[in-house]
Amino acid sequence: MVRIVDAVIDRLDISDILSTYRGGSNSAFNPKMILKVLVFAYLSNVYSSRRIEELLKRDIYFMWLSGMSIPGGSYFALSGQPYLCDSEISSALKCFLSVNSY
């Protein structure tokens, strides 16, 4: 499933998310990578940002998706990421599910 998430998110048009992403700091992570990790976490029934951070450190699938980058748990808290708002995540998830016939 991790390779499917990777391939589908790579093909999605996330220009809405990228247009609001400022980036530029040393600790900035690729929004596509964050989206991949979030989608895979949601599909794995993991919703806690702290749990996602923990899995990024010890789960091979999460490590592969993130390219061995380990953003802090607060990075996955959607309220702190204006470019990853609920509607954009929802539309990306709906597109992912429709592409894969779920």
C-alpha atoms as a PDB file:
ATOM      1  CA  MET A   1       0.000   0.000   0.000  1.00  0.00           C
ATOM      2  CA  VAL A   2       2.892   2.393   0.712  1.00  0.00           C
ATOM      3  CA  ARG A   3       4.065   2.316  -2.911  1.00  0.00           C
ATOM      4  CA  ILE A   4       0.519   2.956  -4.126  1.00  0.00           C
ATOM      5  CA  VAL A   5       0.234   6.007  -1.875  1.00  0.00           C
ATOM      6  CA  ASP A   6       3.606   7.238  -3.139  1.00  0.00           C
ATOM      7  CA  ALA A   7       2.716   6.771  -6.812  1.00  0.00           C
ATOM      8  CA  VAL A   8      -0.776   8.265  -6.578  1.00  0.00           C
ATOM      9  CA  ILE A   9       0.253  11.329  -4.575  1.00  0.00           C
ATOM     10  CA  ASP A  10       3.058  11.934  -7.080  1.00  0.00           C
ATOM     11  CA  ARG A  11       0.434  12.079  -9.846  1.00  0.00           C
ATOM     12  CA  LEU A  12      -2.028  14.301  -7.965  1.00  0.00           C
ATOM     13  CA  ASP A  13      -2.310  17.973  -8.774  1.00  0.00           C
ATOM     14  CA  ILE A  14      -1.614  19.646  -5.437  1.00  0.00           C
ATOM     15  CA  SER A  15      -1.061  23.124  -6.861  1.00  0.00           C
ATOM     16  CA  ASP A  16      -3.599  24.537  -4.363  1.00  0.00           C
ATOM     17  CA  ILE A  17      -1.457  23.293  -1.497  1.00  0.00           C
ATOM     18  CA  LEU A  18       1.810  24.369  -3.103  1.00  0.00           C
ATOM     19  CA  SER A  19       0.514  27.866  -3.861  1.00  0.00           C
ATOM     20  CA  THR A  20       0.025  28.590  -0.154  1.00  0.00           C
ATOM     21  CA  TYR A  21       3.260  26.925   0.960  1.00  0.00           C
ATOM     22  CA  ARG A  22       5.904  29.477   1.892  1.00  0.00           C
ATOM     23  CA  GLY A  23       8.836  27.133   2.522  1.00  0.00           C
ATOM     24  CA  GLY A  24      12.274  28.667   2.603  1.00  0.00           C
ATOM     25  CA  SER A  25      13.446  27.801   6.092  1.00  0.00           C
ATOM     26  CA  ASN A  26      16.061  25.198   6.912  1.00  0.00           C
ATOM     27  CA  SER A  27      13.460  22.986   8.561  1.00  0.00           C
ATOM     28  CA  ALA A  28      10.931  23.201   5.716  1.00  0.00           C
ATOM     29  CA  PHE A  29       9.753  19.821   4.480  1.00  0.00           C
ATOM     30  CA  ASN A  30       8.298  19.042   1.086  1.00  0.00           C
ATOM     31  CA  PRO A  31       4.484  19.362   1.248  1.00  0.00           C
ATOM     32  CA  LYS A  32       4.116  16.345  -1.048  1.00  0.00           C
ATOM     33  CA  MET A  33       6.107  14.219   1.393  1.00  0.00           C
ATOM     34  CA  ILE A  34       3.982  15.455   4.296  1.00  0.00           C
ATOM     35  CA  LEU A  35       0.823  14.649   2.339  1.00  0.00           C
ATOM     36  CA  LYS A  36       2.101  11.151   1.539  1.00  0.00           C
ATOM     37  CA  VAL A  37       2.851  10.489   5.195  1.00  0.00           C
ATOM     38  CA  LEU A  38      -0.553  11.853   6.283  1.00  0.00           C
ATOM     39  CA  VAL A  39      -2.484   9.801   3.715  1.00  0.00           C
ATOM     40  CA  PHE A  40      -0.576   6.646   4.593  1.00  0.00           C
ATOM     41  CA  ALA A  41      -1.079   7.311   8.309  1.00  0.00           C
ATOM     42  CA  TYR A  42      -4.827   7.844   7.843  1.00  0.00           C
ATOM     43  CA  LEU A  43      -5.084   4.656   5.779  1.00  0.00           C
ATOM     44  CA  SER A  44      -3.236   2.869   8.600  1.00  0.00           C
ATOM     45  CA  ASN A  45      -5.704   4.249  11.184  1.00  0.00           C
ATOM     46  CA  VAL A  46      -3.077   6.514  12.734  1.00  0.00           C
ATOM     47  CA  TYR A  47      -4.394  10.012  13.482  1.00  0.00           C
ATOM     48  CA  SER A  48      -2.152  11.283  16.269  1.00  0.00           C
ATOM     49  CA  SER A  49       0.673  13.600  15.225  1.00  0.00           C
ATOM     50  CA  ARG A  50       2.827  12.192  18.034  1.00  0.00           C
ATOM     51  CA  ARG A  51       2.184   8.654  16.843  1.00  0.00           C
ATOM     52  CA  ILE A  52       3.074   9.634  13.266  1.00  0.00           C
ATOM     53  CA  GLU A  53       6.338  11.123  14.513  1.00  0.00           C
ATOM     54  CA  GLU A  54       7.076   7.907  16.406  1.00  0.00           C
ATOM     55  CA  LEU A  55       6.369   5.790  13.326  1.00  0.00           C
ATOM     56  CA  LEU A  56       8.668   7.983  11.215  1.00  0.00           C
ATOM     57  CA  LYS A  57      11.486   6.937  13.539  1.00  0.00           C
ATOM     58  CA  ARG A  58      10.856   3.184  13.626  1.00  0.00           C
ATOM     59  CA  ASP A  59       8.490   1.980  10.895  1.00  0.00           C
ATOM     60  CA  ILE A  60      10.150   1.116   7.578  1.00  0.00           C
ATOM     61  CA  TYR A  61       7.149   2.197   5.485  1.00  0.00           C
ATOM     62  CA  PHE A  62       6.964   5.626   7.085  1.00  0.00           C
ATOM     63  CA  MET A  63      10.738   5.980   6.888  1.00  0.00           C
ATOM     64  CA  TRP A  64      10.655   5.168   3.158  1.00  0.00           C
ATOM     65  CA  LEU A  65       7.855   7.643   2.445  1.00  0.00           C
ATOM     66  CA  SER A  66       9.627  10.435   4.292  1.00  0.00           C
ATOM     67  CA  GLY A  67      13.036   9.722   2.784  1.00  0.00           C
ATOM     68  CA  MET A  68      14.369   9.270   6.322  1.00  0.00           C
ATOM     69  CA  SER A  69      13.319  12.834   7.241  1.00  0.00           C
ATOM     70  CA  ILE A  70      11.685  13.120  10.627  1.00  0.00           C
ATOM     71  CA  PRO A  71       9.500  16.194  10.987  1.00  0.00           C
ATOM     72  CA  GLY A  72       8.355  16.801  14.547  1.00  0.00           C
ATOM     73  CA  GLY A  73       4.902  15.734  15.645  1.00  0.00           C
ATOM     74  CA  SER A  74       3.699  19.323  15.659  1.00  0.00           C
ATOM     75  CA  TYR A  75       4.469  19.447  11.939  1.00  0.00           C
ATOM     76  CA  PHE A  76       1.574  17.055  11.323  1.00  0.00           C
ATOM     77  CA  ALA A  77      -0.894  18.987  13.441  1.00  0.00           C
ATOM     78  CA  LEU A  78      -3.138  20.373  10.710  1.00  0.00           C
ATOM     79  CA  SER A  79      -4.067  23.452  12.704  1.00  0.00           C
ATOM     80  CA  GLY A  80      -0.459  24.641  12.546  1.00  0.00           C
ATOM     81  CA  GLN A  81      -0.087  24.119   8.806  1.00  0.00           C
ATOM     82  CA  PRO A  82      -2.227  26.601   6.875  1.00  0.00           C
ATOM     83  CA  TYR A  83      -1.225  25.086   3.532  1.00  0.00           C
ATOM     84  CA  LEU A  84      -2.520  21.679   4.642  1.00  0.00           C
ATOM     85  CA  CYS A  85      -6.062  22.729   5.465  1.00  0.00           C
ATOM     86  CA  ASP A  86      -8.816  20.172   5.878  1.00  0.00           C
ATOM     87  CA  SER A  87     -10.544  20.860   2.552  1.00  0.00           C
ATOM     88  CA  GLU A  88      -7.350  20.358   0.553  1.00  0.00           C
ATOM     89  CA  ILE A  89      -6.484  17.180   2.462  1.00  0.00           C
ATOM     90  CA  SER A  90     -10.043  15.944   1.940  1.00  0.00           C
ATOM     91  CA  SER A  91      -9.924  16.616  -1.787  1.00  0.00           C
ATOM     92  CA  ALA A  92      -6.539  14.870  -2.076  1.00  0.00           C
ATOM     93  CA  LEU A  93      -7.883  11.865  -0.154  1.00  0.00           C
ATOM     94  CA  LYS A  94     -11.035  11.740  -2.304  1.00  0.00           C
ATOM     95  CA  CYS A  95      -8.919  11.850  -5.447  1.00  0.00           C
ATOM     96  CA  PHE A  96      -6.652   9.128  -4.068  1.00  0.00           C
ATOM     97  CA  LEU A  97      -9.620   6.927  -3.268  1.00  0.00           C
ATOM     98  CA  SER A  98     -11.307   7.497  -6.623  1.00  0.00           C
ATOM     99  CA  VAL A  99      -8.118   6.724  -8.559  1.00  0.00           C
ATOM    100  CA  ASN A 100      -7.742   3.463  -6.670  1.00  0.00           C
ATOM    101  CA  SER A 101     -11.456   2.542  -6.789  1.00  0.00           C
ATOM    102  CA  TYR A 102     -12.019   2.418  -3.040  1.00  0.00           C
END
